[in-house]
């Protein structure tokens, strides 16, 4: 099992149904959460000893209104965070 797969499994165990989706693509783990669950999820990702995501690397906003030059039916805006666990040398997109 790769490090990314191990991370994905750990995240699934810790977050449970708080995460709308969890994906592994190109060796990177992405977790999607609702705005209502964001604060609780961020605290779990920081405080869980097996995850320990203590540093925010990047924070940006997305506007999906013209995403892929196609009609988008989801929410228009999203916030994307890139987190780092220095302790475990792992990265996560939230």
Protein backbone atom coordinates (compact mmCIF):
# COMPACT_ATOMS: atom_id res chain seq x y z
CA UNK A 1 0.00 0.00 0.00
CA UNK A 2 1.40 3.42 -0.98
CA UNK A 3 1.77 6.31 1.47
CA UNK A 4 -1.07 8.13 -0.29
CA UNK A 5 -3.35 5.08 0.04
CA UNK A 6 -2.46 4.83 3.74
CA UNK A 7 -3.31 8.51 4.17
CA UNK A 8 -6.64 8.07 2.40
CA UNK A 9 -7.51 5.13 4.65
CA UNK A 10 -6.59 7.11 7.79
CA UNK A 11 -8.69 10.05 6.64
CA UNK A 12 -11.68 7.80 5.96
CA UNK A 13 -11.41 6.36 9.49
CA UNK A 14 -11.09 9.76 11.19
CA UNK A 15 -13.58 11.81 9.17
CA UNK A 16 -16.20 9.17 8.38
CA UNK A 17 -19.27 10.73 6.76
CA UNK A 18 -18.10 14.28 7.50
CA UNK A 19 -16.31 14.12 4.15
CA UNK A 20 -18.53 14.36 1.07
CA UNK A 21 -15.84 12.70 -1.03
CA UNK A 22 -12.28 11.45 -0.79
CA UNK A 23 -10.19 10.84 -3.88
CA UNK A 24 -6.71 9.68 -4.72
CA UNK A 25 -5.43 10.80 -8.11
CA UNK A 26 -1.85 11.14 -9.34
CA UNK A 27 -0.59 10.35 -5.85
CA UNK A 28 -2.52 13.23 -4.25
CA UNK A 29 -5.36 12.98 -1.76
CA UNK A 30 -8.30 15.37 -2.01
CA UNK A 31 -11.10 15.62 0.55
CA UNK A 32 -14.32 17.58 -0.10
CA UNK A 33 -16.39 18.79 2.85
CA UNK A 34 -19.37 21.07 3.27
CA UNK A 35 -18.94 24.54 4.71
CA UNK A 36 -20.91 23.39 7.76
CA UNK A 37 -18.40 20.60 8.47
CA UNK A 38 -15.28 22.57 7.61
CA UNK A 39 -14.25 23.72 11.09
CA UNK A 40 -14.78 20.31 12.71
CA UNK A 41 -12.90 18.56 9.89
CA UNK A 42 -10.01 21.04 10.06
CA UNK A 43 -9.69 20.44 13.81
CA UNK A 44 -9.77 16.65 13.35
CA UNK A 45 -7.10 16.83 10.65
CA UNK A 46 -4.93 18.96 12.94
CA UNK A 47 -5.48 17.15 16.25
CA UNK A 48 -5.49 13.48 15.22
CA UNK A 49 -2.05 12.04 16.04
CA UNK A 50 -2.05 9.88 12.91
CA UNK A 51 -2.76 12.84 10.63
CA UNK A 52 -1.32 15.93 12.36
CA UNK A 53 -1.86 18.47 9.53
CA UNK A 54 -0.45 21.46 11.36
CA UNK A 55 0.52 23.82 8.53
CA UNK A 56 -1.56 25.64 5.93
CA UNK A 57 0.52 25.87 2.75
CA UNK A 58 -1.96 27.52 0.41
CA UNK A 59 -5.48 28.93 0.50
CA UNK A 60 -7.35 29.96 -2.62
CA UNK A 61 -10.86 30.48 -3.91
CA UNK A 62 -12.42 28.93 -7.00
CA UNK A 63 -15.20 30.19 -9.25
CA UNK A 64 -16.68 27.29 -11.21
CA UNK A 65 -18.97 29.49 -13.33
CA UNK A 66 -16.94 28.87 -16.49
CA UNK A 67 -15.20 25.67 -15.47
CA UNK A 68 -14.16 23.65 -18.50
CA UNK A 69 -16.24 25.90 -20.78
CA UNK A 70 -19.25 23.78 -19.87
CA UNK A 71 -22.42 24.32 -17.91
CA UNK A 72 -21.72 23.71 -14.22
CA UNK A 73 -24.55 22.48 -11.99
CA UNK A 74 -22.76 22.41 -8.63
CA UNK A 75 -21.99 25.25 -6.23
CA UNK A 76 -20.36 28.22 -7.92
CA UNK A 77 -17.65 29.00 -5.34
CA UNK A 78 -15.25 26.84 -3.33
CA UNK A 79 -12.31 27.39 -1.00
CA UNK A 80 -9.31 25.11 -1.45
CA UNK A 81 -6.67 24.54 1.20
CA UNK A 82 -3.40 22.68 0.85
CA UNK A 83 -2.31 21.29 4.20
CA UNK A 84 1.03 19.85 5.33
CA UNK A 85 1.87 17.44 8.10
CA UNK A 86 5.49 18.21 8.88
CA UNK A 87 5.55 15.36 11.40
CA UNK A 88 4.45 12.75 8.82
CA UNK A 89 5.70 14.54 5.66
CA UNK A 90 2.29 14.33 3.95
CA UNK A 91 0.17 16.79 1.97
CA UNK A 92 -3.59 17.05 1.62
CA UNK A 93 -5.99 19.10 -0.47
CA UNK A 94 -9.16 20.10 1.39
